Amino acid sequence: MFRRRSEDSAASSTVTMTKEDERLPRDPQAPKGRPTPKRSEAEANRKTRVTVPKDRKEAARQARDRMRVEREKQRIAMLEGDERALPARDKGPVKRYTRDFIDSRRAVAEYFLPFAVVVLVLGIVRIGYLQTLSSLLFMLFFVTVILDFVRLGLALRKGLAARFPNENTRGAVMYGLLRTLQMRRLRMPKPMVKRGERP
Protein backbone atom coordinates (compact mmCIF):
# COMPACT_ATOMS: atom_id res chain seq x y z
CA MET A 1 0.00 0.00 0.00
CA PHE A 2 2.77 2.46 0.99
CA ARG A 3 5.42 0.92 -1.24
CA ARG A 4 7.43 3.05 -3.61
CA ARG A 5 6.78 2.79 -7.28
CA SER A 6 9.06 0.61 -9.22
CA GLU A 7 11.59 2.20 -11.52
CA ASP A 8 9.71 0.88 -14.55
CA SER A 9 6.46 2.61 -13.58
CA ALA A 10 8.32 5.85 -12.79
CA ALA A 11 10.07 5.74 -16.14
CA SER A 12 6.79 5.15 -17.94
CA SER A 13 5.18 8.14 -16.19
CA THR A 14 7.82 10.67 -17.29
CA VAL A 15 6.88 12.70 -20.30
CA THR A 16 9.42 13.99 -22.77
CA MET A 17 8.59 17.46 -24.04
CA THR A 18 9.13 18.37 -27.65
CA LYS A 19 9.67 21.89 -28.94
CA GLU A 20 6.01 22.09 -29.94
CA ASP A 21 4.93 21.12 -26.41
CA GLU A 22 7.13 23.85 -24.88
CA ARG A 23 5.19 26.53 -26.70
CA LEU A 24 1.86 25.32 -25.35
CA PRO A 25 0.84 26.24 -21.78
CA ARG A 26 1.35 23.30 -19.42
CA ASP A 27 -1.61 21.83 -17.60
CA PRO A 28 -0.99 22.19 -13.82
CA GLN A 29 -1.96 18.54 -13.29
CA ALA A 30 0.40 17.22 -15.97
CA PRO A 31 3.83 15.85 -15.01
CA LYS A 32 6.58 18.45 -15.47
CA GLY A 33 8.93 16.23 -17.48
CA ARG A 34 11.93 16.59 -15.16
CA PRO A 35 12.79 15.12 -11.78
CA THR A 36 12.18 17.11 -8.63
CA PRO A 37 15.54 18.23 -7.16
CA LYS A 38 16.61 16.91 -3.78
CA ARG A 39 16.24 19.20 -0.79
CA SER A 40 20.01 19.54 -0.40
CA GLU A 41 20.36 20.58 -4.06
CA ALA A 42 17.51 23.09 -3.80
CA GLU A 43 19.00 24.64 -0.65
CA ALA A 44 22.43 24.85 -2.28
CA ASN A 45 20.93 26.64 -5.31
CA ARG A 46 19.03 29.03 -3.05
CA LYS A 47 22.18 29.88 -1.08
CA THR A 48 24.13 30.66 -4.22
CA ARG A 49 21.36 32.89 -5.61
CA VAL A 50 20.90 34.99 -2.46
CA THR A 51 23.78 37.47 -2.19
CA VAL A 52 22.67 39.28 0.98
CA PRO A 53 25.60 39.27 3.39
CA LYS A 54 25.11 37.77 6.83
CA ASP A 55 27.06 40.60 8.46
CA ARG A 56 24.65 43.43 9.39
CA LYS A 57 27.32 46.11 8.94
CA GLU A 58 28.11 44.90 5.44
CA ALA A 59 24.38 44.78 4.54
CA ALA A 60 23.91 48.34 5.84
CA ARG A 61 26.95 49.52 3.88
CA GLN A 62 25.60 47.98 0.67
CA ALA A 63 22.18 49.59 1.29
CA ARG A 64 23.85 52.99 1.81
CA ASP A 65 25.84 52.56 -1.41
CA ARG A 66 22.67 51.72 -3.35
CA MET A 67 20.87 54.76 -1.89
CA ARG A 68 23.84 57.01 -2.73
CA VAL A 69 23.85 55.82 -6.36
CA GLU A 70 20.08 56.35 -6.60
CA ARG A 71 20.32 59.86 -5.13
CA GLU A 72 23.14 60.77 -7.52
CA LYS A 73 21.05 59.50 -10.46
CA GLN A 74 18.11 61.64 -9.34
CA ARG A 75 20.35 64.69 -8.82
CA ILE A 76 21.72 64.42 -12.37
CA ALA A 77 18.18 63.97 -13.69
CA MET A 78 17.11 67.10 -11.79
CA LEU A 79 19.92 69.11 -13.39
CA GLU A 80 19.39 67.76 -16.90
CA GLY A 81 15.59 67.45 -16.82
CA ASP A 82 15.64 63.72 -17.67
CA GLU A 83 12.05 62.51 -17.11
CA ARG A 84 13.00 58.85 -16.63
CA ALA A 85 14.99 59.33 -13.43
CA LEU A 86 12.95 62.12 -11.81
CA PRO A 87 11.11 61.42 -8.55
CA ALA A 88 7.42 60.47 -8.87
CA ARG A 89 6.23 63.93 -7.73
CA ASP A 90 8.03 65.59 -10.69
CA LYS A 91 7.16 63.09 -13.44
CA GLY A 92 4.63 63.42 -16.22
CA PRO A 93 3.62 65.96 -18.88
CA VAL A 94 1.33 67.85 -16.46
CA LYS A 95 4.17 68.54 -14.01
CA ARG A 96 6.53 69.38 -16.89
CA TYR A 97 4.06 71.95 -18.26
CA THR A 98 3.53 73.39 -14.74
CA ARG A 99 7.28 73.84 -14.25
CA ASP A 100 7.69 75.47 -17.66
CA PHE A 101 4.69 77.75 -17.03
CA ILE A 102 6.12 78.98 -13.70
CA ASP A 103 9.71 79.26 -14.95
CA SER A 104 8.68 81.39 -17.93
CA ARG A 105 7.10 84.08 -15.71
CA ARG A 106 8.34 86.40 -13.02
CA ALA A 107 6.77 85.95 -9.58
CA VAL A 108 6.99 88.16 -6.51
CA ALA A 109 7.35 85.10 -4.27
CA GLU A 110 10.72 84.12 -5.73
CA TYR A 111 12.24 87.21 -4.07
CA PHE A 112 10.91 86.16 -0.67
CA LEU A 113 14.24 84.85 0.65
CA PRO A 114 16.37 87.97 0.00
CA PHE A 115 13.50 90.21 1.15
CA ALA A 116 13.13 88.19 4.37
CA VAL A 117 16.85 88.66 5.09
CA VAL A 118 16.51 92.45 4.68
CA VAL A 119 13.45 92.55 6.95
CA LEU A 120 15.26 90.40 9.54
CA VAL A 121 18.27 92.74 9.58
CA LEU A 122 16.00 95.80 9.94
CA GLY A 123 14.13 94.07 12.76
CA ILE A 124 17.35 93.29 14.67
CA VAL A 125 18.53 96.92 14.60
CA ARG A 126 17.43 98.59 17.84
CA ILE A 127 15.99 101.69 16.21
CA GLY A 128 12.24 102.12 16.70
CA TYR A 129 11.24 103.48 13.30
CA LEU A 130 13.36 100.87 11.44
CA GLN A 131 11.65 98.04 13.32
CA THR A 132 8.26 99.54 12.50
CA LEU A 133 9.31 99.96 8.88
CA SER A 134 10.44 96.31 8.68
CA SER A 135 7.06 95.13 10.02
CA LEU A 136 5.16 97.29 7.52
CA LEU A 137 7.36 96.16 4.63
CA PHE A 138 6.87 92.51 5.57
CA MET A 139 3.07 92.89 5.73
CA LEU A 140 3.04 94.71 2.38
CA PHE A 141 5.22 92.06 0.77
CA PHE A 142 3.05 89.27 2.24
CA VAL A 143 -0.14 90.77 0.75
CA THR A 144 1.61 91.25 -2.62
CA VAL A 145 2.73 87.59 -2.63
CA ILE A 146 -0.84 86.39 -1.93
CA LEU A 147 -2.25 88.54 -4.77
CA ASP A 148 0.48 87.26 -7.10
CA PHE A 149 -0.35 83.66 -6.06
CA VAL A 150 -3.99 84.25 -7.02
CA ARG A 151 -2.97 85.72 -10.41
CA LEU A 152 -0.55 82.90 -11.23
CA GLY A 153 -2.84 80.18 -9.87
CA LEU A 154 -5.79 81.27 -12.03
CA ALA A 155 -3.61 81.58 -15.15
CA LEU A 156 -2.02 78.18 -14.52
CA ARG A 157 -5.40 76.50 -13.93
CA LYS A 158 -6.67 77.97 -17.20
CA GLY A 159 -3.55 76.80 -19.08
CA LEU A 160 -3.82 73.28 -17.65
CA ALA A 161 -7.50 73.04 -18.58
CA ALA A 162 -6.71 74.08 -22.16
CA ARG A 163 -3.64 71.84 -22.57
CA PHE A 164 -4.85 68.75 -20.66
CA PRO A 165 -8.67 68.70 -20.83
CA ASN A 166 -9.03 64.93 -20.22
CA GLU A 167 -6.20 64.39 -17.71
CA ASN A 168 -6.08 64.56 -13.93
CA THR A 169 -4.37 67.85 -13.01
CA ARG A 170 -5.10 67.68 -9.30
CA GLY A 171 -2.29 69.16 -7.20
CA ALA A 172 -0.53 70.73 -10.19
CA VAL A 173 -1.46 74.32 -9.24
CA MET A 174 -0.12 73.92 -5.70
CA TYR A 175 3.00 72.26 -7.13
CA GLY A 176 3.55 75.31 -9.32
CA LEU A 177 2.89 77.86 -6.58
CA LEU A 178 5.35 76.15 -4.23
CA ARG A 179 7.93 76.31 -7.02
CA THR A 180 7.54 80.09 -7.18
CA LEU A 181 8.79 80.34 -3.58
CA GLN A 182 12.23 79.16 -4.73
CA MET A 183 14.68 81.47 -6.44
CA ARG A 184 14.94 80.59 -10.11
CA ARG A 185 18.58 79.50 -9.98
CA LEU A 186 17.90 77.20 -6.99
CA ARG A 187 14.86 75.43 -8.47
CA MET A 188 14.94 71.67 -8.90
CA PRO A 189 14.36 70.24 -11.49
CA LYS A 190 16.37 72.91 -13.27
CA PRO A 191 14.33 75.37 -15.39
CA MET A 192 14.23 74.35 -19.06
CA VAL A 193 12.65 77.53 -20.50
CA LYS A 194 13.79 81.15 -20.55
CA ARG A 195 11.94 84.12 -19.10
CA GLY A 196 9.12 85.18 -21.40
CA GLU A 197 9.25 81.94 -23.40
CA ARG A 198 5.78 80.41 -23.28
CA PRO A 199 5.52 76.62 -22.83
C-alpha atoms as a PDB file:
ATOM      1  CA  MET A   1       0.000   0.000   0.000  1.00  0.00           C
ATOM      2  CA  PHE A   2       2.767   2.463   0.986  1.00  0.00           C
ATOM      3  CA  ARG A   3       5.418   0.915  -1.239  1.00  0.00           C
ATOM      4  CA  ARG A   4       7.430   3.050  -3.610  1.00  0.00           C
ATOM      5  CA  ARG A   5       6.778   2.791  -7.279  1.00  0.00           C
ATOM      6  CA  SER A   6       9.064   0.613  -9.216  1.00  0.00           C
ATOM      7  CA  GLU A   7      11.591   2.202 -11.520  1.00  0.00           C
ATOM      8  CA  ASP A   8       9.711   0.878 -14.551  1.00  0.00           C
ATOM      9  CA  SER A   9       6.457   2.606 -13.582  1.00  0.00           C
ATOM     10  CA  ALA A  10       8.323   5.851 -12.788  1.00  0.00           C
ATOM     11  CA  ALA A  11      10.066   5.740 -16.140  1.00  0.00           C
ATOM     12  CA  SER A  12       6.793   5.152 -17.943  1.00  0.00           C
ATOM     13  CA  SER A  13       5.177   8.143 -16.187  1.00  0.00           C
ATOM     14  CA  THR A  14       7.816  10.675 -17.291  1.00  0.00           C
ATOM     15  CA  VAL A  15       6.876  12.704 -20.301  1.00  0.00           C
ATOM     16  CA  THR A  16       9.416  13.988 -22.773  1.00  0.00           C
ATOM     17  CA  MET A  17       8.587  17.456 -24.043  1.00  0.00           C
ATOM     18  CA  THR A  18       9.133  18.366 -27.652  1.00  0.00           C
ATOM     19  CA  LYS A  19       9.667  21.887 -28.941  1.00  0.00           C
ATOM     20  CA  GLU A  20       6.008  22.090 -29.943  1.00  0.00           C
ATOM     21  CA  ASP A  21       4.926  21.118 -26.410  1.00  0.00           C
ATOM     22  CA  GLU A  22       7.133  23.848 -24.884  1.00  0.00           C
ATOM     23  CA  ARG A  23       5.189  26.533 -26.702  1.00  0.00           C
ATOM     24  CA  LEU A  24       1.857  25.318 -25.346  1.00  0.00           C
ATOM     25  CA  PRO A  25       0.843  26.240 -21.783  1.00  0.00           C
ATOM     26  CA  ARG A  26       1.354  23.301 -19.422  1.00  0.00           C
ATOM     27  CA  ASP A  27      -1.607  21.832 -17.600  1.00  0.00           C
ATOM     28  CA  PRO A  28      -0.994  22.192 -13.816  1.00  0.00           C
ATOM     29  CA  GLN A  29      -1.959  18.542 -13.286  1.00  0.00           C
ATOM     30  CA  ALA A  30       0.402  17.222 -15.971  1.00  0.00           C
ATOM     31  CA  PRO A  31       3.833  15.854 -15.014  1.00  0.00           C
ATOM     32  CA  LYS A  32       6.583  18.449 -15.466  1.00  0.00           C
ATOM     33  CA  GLY A  33       8.926  16.229 -17.483  1.00  0.00           C
ATOM     34  CA  ARG A  34      11.928  16.595 -15.157  1.00  0.00           C
ATOM     35  CA  PRO A  35      12.792  15.115 -11.783  1.00  0.00           C
ATOM     36  CA  THR A  36      12.181  17.111  -8.630  1.00  0.00           C
ATOM     37  CA  PRO A  37      15.543  18.226  -7.157  1.00  0.00           C
ATOM     38  CA  LYS A  38      16.612  16.910  -3.783  1.00  0.00           C
ATOM     39  CA  ARG A  39      16.237  19.200  -0.794  1.00  0.00           C
ATOM     40  CA  SER A  40      20.009  19.545  -0.397  1.00  0.00           C
ATOM     41  CA  GLU A  41      20.361  20.585  -4.061  1.00  0.00           C
ATOM     42  CA  ALA A  42      17.508  23.092  -3.804  1.00  0.00           C
ATOM     43  CA  GLU A  43      19.001  24.641  -0.647  1.00  0.00           C
ATOM     44  CA  ALA A  44      22.429  24.846  -2.281  1.00  0.00           C
ATOM     45  CA  ASN A  45      20.930  26.639  -5.310  1.00  0.00           C
ATOM     46  CA  ARG A  46      19.029  29.025  -3.054  1.00  0.00           C
ATOM     47  CA  LYS A  47      22.176  29.877  -1.081  1.00  0.00           C
ATOM     48  CA  THR A  48      24.133  30.664  -4.221  1.00  0.00           C
ATOM     49  CA  ARG A  49      21.361  32.889  -5.610  1.00  0.00           C
ATOM     50  CA  VAL A  50      20.896  34.994  -2.462  1.00  0.00           C
ATOM     51  CA  THR A  51      23.775  37.472  -2.189  1.00  0.00           C
ATOM     52  CA  VAL A  52      22.672  39.277   0.977  1.00  0.00           C
ATOM     53  CA  PRO A  53      25.605  39.265   3.390  1.00  0.00           C
ATOM     54  CA  LYS A  54      25.106  37.766   6.831  1.00  0.00           C
ATOM     55  CA  ASP A  55      27.057  40.596   8.458  1.00  0.00           C
ATOM     56  CA  ARG A  56      24.652  43.426   9.390  1.00  0.00           C
ATOM     57  CA  LYS A  57      27.317  46.111   8.942  1.00  0.00           C
ATOM     58  CA  GLU A  58      28.108  44.898   5.438  1.00  0.00           C
ATOM     59  CA  ALA A  59      24.384  44.784   4.538  1.00  0.00           C
ATOM     60  CA  ALA A  60      23.913  48.337   5.843  1.00  0.00           C
ATOM     61  CA  ARG A  61      26.950  49.524   3.882  1.00  0.00           C
ATOM     62  CA  GLN A  62      25.596  47.982   0.667  1.00  0.00           C
ATOM     63  CA  ALA A  63      22.178  49.589   1.288  1.00  0.00           C
ATOM     64  CA  ARG A  64      23.855  52.991   1.812  1.00  0.00           C
ATOM     65  CA  ASP A  65      25.837  52.565  -1.414  1.00  0.00           C
ATOM     66  CA  ARG A  66      22.666  51.721  -3.348  1.00  0.00           C
ATOM     67  CA  MET A  67      20.873  54.761  -1.894  1.00  0.00           C
ATOM     68  CA  ARG A  68      23.842  57.010  -2.735  1.00  0.00           C
ATOM     69  CA  VAL A  69      23.850  55.815  -6.358  1.00  0.00           C
ATOM     70  CA  GLU A  70      20.076  56.349  -6.598  1.00  0.00           C
ATOM     71  CA  ARG A  71      20.323  59.863  -5.127  1.00  0.00           C
ATOM     72  CA  GLU A  72      23.140  60.772  -7.521  1.00  0.00           C
ATOM     73  CA  LYS A  73      21.049  59.504 -10.457  1.00  0.00           C
ATOM     74  CA  GLN A  74      18.112  61.641  -9.341  1.00  0.00           C
ATOM     75  CA  ARG A  75      20.352  64.693  -8.818  1.00  0.00           C
ATOM     76  CA  ILE A  76      21.724  64.421 -12.367  1.00  0.00           C
ATOM     77  CA  ALA A  77      18.181  63.972 -13.691  1.00  0.00           C
ATOM     78  CA  MET A  78      17.108  67.104 -11.787  1.00  0.00           C
ATOM     79  CA  LEU A  79      19.918  69.109 -13.387  1.00  0.00           C
ATOM     80  CA  GLU A  80      19.387  67.761 -16.900  1.00  0.00           C
ATOM     81  CA  GLY A  81      15.587  67.447 -16.817  1.00  0.00           C
ATOM     82  CA  ASP A  82      15.639  63.725 -17.670  1.00  0.00           C
ATOM     83  CA  GLU A  83      12.049  62.508 -17.114  1.00  0.00           C
ATOM     84  CA  ARG A  84      13.004  58.849 -16.631  1.00  0.00           C
ATOM     85  CA  ALA A  85      14.993  59.325 -13.429  1.00  0.00           C
ATOM     86  CA  LEU A  86      12.948  62.118 -11.811  1.00  0.00           C
ATOM     87  CA  PRO A  87      11.108  61.423  -8.550  1.00  0.00           C
ATOM     88  CA  ALA A  88       7.415  60.471  -8.870  1.00  0.00           C
ATOM     89  CA  ARG A  89       6.234  63.928  -7.727  1.00  0.00           C
ATOM     90  CA  ASP A  90       8.029  65.588 -10.694  1.00  0.00           C
ATOM     91  CA  LYS A  91       7.158  63.090 -13.439  1.00  0.00           C
ATOM     92  CA  GLY A  92       4.633  63.424 -16.222  1.00  0.00           C
ATOM     93  CA  PRO A  93       3.621  65.956 -18.884  1.00  0.00           C
ATOM     94  CA  VAL A  94       1.329  67.854 -16.463  1.00  0.00           C
ATOM     95  CA  LYS A  95       4.171  68.539 -14.014  1.00  0.00           C
ATOM     96  CA  ARG A  96       6.528  69.383 -16.886  1.00  0.00           C
ATOM     97  CA  TYR A  97       4.057  71.950 -18.256  1.00  0.00           C
ATOM     98  CA  THR A  98       3.530  73.387 -14.744  1.00  0.00           C
ATOM     99  CA  ARG A  99       7.278  73.841 -14.252  1.00  0.00           C
ATOM    100  CA  ASP A 100       7.695  75.468 -17.661  1.00  0.00           C
ATOM    101  CA  PHE A 101       4.686  77.749 -17.028  1.00  0.00           C
ATOM    102  CA  ILE A 102       6.117  78.978 -13.701  1.00  0.00           C
ATOM    103  CA  ASP A 103       9.713  79.261 -14.947  1.00  0.00           C
ATOM    104  CA  SER A 104       8.685  81.387 -17.932  1.00  0.00           C
ATOM    105  CA  ARG A 105       7.096  84.084 -15.713  1.00  0.00           C
ATOM    106  CA  ARG A 106       8.337  86.399 -13.018  1.00  0.00           C
ATOM    107  CA  ALA A 107       6.773  85.953  -9.584  1.00  0.00           C
ATOM    108  CA  VAL A 108       6.993  88.161  -6.507  1.00  0.00           C
ATOM    109  CA  ALA A 109       7.354  85.101  -4.271  1.00  0.00           C
ATOM    110  CA  GLU A 110      10.724  84.116  -5.731  1.00  0.00           C
ATOM    111  CA  TYR A 111      12.245  87.212  -4.068  1.00  0.00           C
ATOM    112  CA  PHE A 112      10.908  86.159  -0.674  1.00  0.00           C
ATOM    113  CA  LEU A 113      14.238  84.847   0.651  1.00  0.00           C
ATOM    114  CA  PRO A 114      16.372  87.975   0.002  1.00  0.00           C
ATOM    115  CA  PHE A 115      13.502  90.208   1.146  1.00  0.00           C
ATOM    116  CA  ALA A 116      13.129  88.191   4.371  1.00  0.00           C
ATOM    117  CA  VAL A 117      16.850  88.665   5.093  1.00  0.00           C
ATOM    118  CA  VAL A 118      16.515  92.451   4.681  1.00  0.00           C
ATOM    119  CA  VAL A 119      13.453  92.546   6.953  1.00  0.00           C
ATOM    120  CA  LEU A 120      15.258  90.403   9.539  1.00  0.00           C
ATOM    121  CA  VAL A 121      18.271  92.741   9.580  1.00  0.00           C
ATOM    122  CA  LEU A 122      16.004  95.802   9.938  1.00  0.00           C
ATOM    123  CA  GLY A 123      14.127  94.068  12.758  1.00  0.00           C
ATOM    124  CA  ILE A 124      17.346  93.294  14.673  1.00  0.00           C
ATOM    125  CA  VAL A 125      18.533  96.916  14.596  1.00  0.00           C
ATOM    126  CA  ARG A 126      17.433  98.585  17.841  1.00  0.00           C
ATOM    127  CA  ILE A 127      15.988 101.687  16.212  1.00  0.00           C
ATOM    128  CA  GLY A 128      12.244 102.123  16.696  1.00  0.00           C
ATOM    129  CA  TYR A 129      11.244 103.476  13.302  1.00  0.00           C
ATOM    130  CA  LEU A 130      13.363 100.865  11.436  1.00  0.00           C
ATOM    131  CA  GLN A 131      11.650  98.045  13.323  1.00  0.00           C
ATOM    132  CA  THR A 132       8.257  99.538  12.503  1.00  0.00           C
ATOM    133  CA  LEU A 133       9.313  99.961   8.877  1.00  0.00           C
ATOM    134  CA  SER A 134      10.443  96.310   8.681  1.00  0.00           C
ATOM    135  CA  SER A 135       7.062  95.126  10.017  1.00  0.00           C
ATOM    136  CA  LEU A 136       5.164  97.291   7.519  1.00  0.00           C
ATOM    137  CA  LEU A 137       7.360  96.163   4.629  1.00  0.00           C
ATOM    138  CA  PHE A 138       6.872  92.514   5.572  1.00  0.00           C
ATOM    139  CA  MET A 139       3.068  92.888   5.727  1.00  0.00           C
ATOM    140  CA  LEU A 140       3.041  94.705   2.375  1.00  0.00           C
ATOM    141  CA  PHE A 141       5.219  92.057   0.773  1.00  0.00           C
ATOM    142  CA  PHE A 142       3.054  89.265   2.241  1.00  0.00           C
ATOM    143  CA  VAL A 143      -0.141  90.768   0.753  1.00  0.00           C
ATOM    144  CA  THR A 144       1.614  91.252  -2.616  1.00  0.00           C
ATOM    145  CA  VAL A 145       2.726  87.590  -2.632  1.00  0.00           C
ATOM    146  CA  ILE A 146      -0.841  86.387  -1.932  1.00  0.00           C
ATOM    147  CA  LEU A 147      -2.245  88.537  -4.765  1.00  0.00           C
ATOM    148  CA  ASP A 148       0.475  87.256  -7.099  1.00  0.00           C
ATOM    149  CA  PHE A 149      -0.355  83.664  -6.057  1.00  0.00           C
ATOM    150  CA  VAL A 150      -3.994  84.250  -7.020  1.00  0.00           C
ATOM    151  CA  ARG A 151      -2.972  85.716 -10.406  1.00  0.00           C
ATOM    152  CA  LEU A 152      -0.546  82.901 -11.233  1.00  0.00           C
ATOM    153  CA  GLY A 153      -2.841  80.181  -9.873  1.00  0.00           C
ATOM    154  CA  LEU A 154      -5.787  81.273 -12.033  1.00  0.00           C
ATOM    155  CA  ALA A 155      -3.612  81.581 -15.151  1.00  0.00           C
ATOM    156  CA  LEU A 156      -2.019  78.175 -14.518  1.00  0.00           C
ATOM    157  CA  ARG A 157      -5.398  76.500 -13.926  1.00  0.00           C
ATOM    158  CA  LYS A 158      -6.671  77.971 -17.203  1.00  0.00           C
ATOM    159  CA  GLY A 159      -3.554  76.805 -19.078  1.00  0.00           C
ATOM    160  CA  LEU A 160      -3.818  73.281 -17.646  1.00  0.00           C
ATOM    161  CA  ALA A 161      -7.500  73.038 -18.585  1.00  0.00           C
ATOM    162  CA  ALA A 162      -6.705  74.083 -22.160  1.00  0.00           C
ATOM    163  CA  ARG A 163      -3.637  71.845 -22.566  1.00  0.00           C
ATOM    164  CA  PHE A 164      -4.854  68.747 -20.661  1.00  0.00           C
ATOM    165  CA  PRO A 165      -8.674  68.699 -20.828  1.00  0.00           C
ATOM    166  CA  ASN A 166      -9.031  64.933 -20.218  1.00  0.00           C
ATOM    167  CA  GLU A 167      -6.198  64.387 -17.712  1.00  0.00           C
ATOM    168  CA  ASN A 168      -6.082  64.557 -13.935  1.00  0.00           C
ATOM    169  CA  THR A 169      -4.368  67.846 -13.012  1.00  0.00           C
ATOM    170  CA  ARG A 170      -5.105  67.680  -9.298  1.00  0.00           C
ATOM    171  CA  GLY A 171      -2.295  69.158  -7.201  1.00  0.00           C
ATOM    172  CA  ALA A 172      -0.525  70.730 -10.191  1.00  0.00           C
ATOM    173  CA  VAL A 173      -1.463  74.316  -9.241  1.00  0.00           C
ATOM    174  CA  MET A 174      -0.120  73.919  -5.700  1.00  0.00           C
ATOM    175  CA  TYR A 175       2.998  72.255  -7.130  1.00  0.00           C
ATOM    176  CA  GLY A 176       3.554  75.314  -9.323  1.00  0.00           C
ATOM    177  CA  LEU A 177       2.889  77.859  -6.578  1.00  0.00           C
ATOM    178  CA  LEU A 178       5.349  76.149  -4.228  1.00  0.00           C
ATOM    179  CA  ARG A 179       7.931  76.307  -7.022  1.00  0.00           C
ATOM    180  CA  THR A 180       7.543  80.093  -7.179  1.00  0.00           C
ATOM    181  CA  LEU A 181       8.794  80.340  -3.581  1.00  0.00           C
ATOM    182  CA  GLN A 182      12.229  79.158  -4.728  1.00  0.00           C
ATOM    183  CA  MET A 183      14.681  81.473  -6.436  1.00  0.00           C
ATOM    184  CA  ARG A 184      14.940  80.591 -10.114  1.00  0.00           C
ATOM    185  CA  ARG A 185      18.580  79.496  -9.981  1.00  0.00           C
ATOM    186  CA  LEU A 186      17.899  77.200  -6.995  1.00  0.00           C
ATOM    187  CA  ARG A 187      14.861  75.432  -8.470  1.00  0.00           C
ATOM    188  CA  MET A 188      14.939  71.672  -8.901  1.00  0.00           C
ATOM    189  CA  PRO A 189      14.362  70.241 -11.493  1.00  0.00           C
ATOM    190  CA  LYS A 190      16.375  72.910 -13.266  1.00  0.00           C
ATOM    191  CA  PRO A 191      14.325  75.371 -15.390  1.00  0.00           C
ATOM    192  CA  MET A 192      14.233  74.346 -19.065  1.00  0.00           C
ATOM    193  CA  VAL A 193      12.649  77.530 -20.496  1.00  0.00           C
ATOM    194  CA  LYS A 194      13.791  81.154 -20.551  1.00  0.00           C
ATOM    195  CA  ARG A 195      11.939  84.118 -19.099  1.00  0.00           C
ATOM    196  CA  GLY A 196       9.122  85.183 -21.396  1.00  0.00           C
ATOM    197  CA  GLU A 197       9.254  81.944 -23.405  1.00  0.00           C
ATOM    198  CA  ARG A 198       5.781  80.409 -23.277  1.00  0.00           C
ATOM    199  CA  PRO A 199       5.523  76.617 -22.830  1.00  0.00           C
END
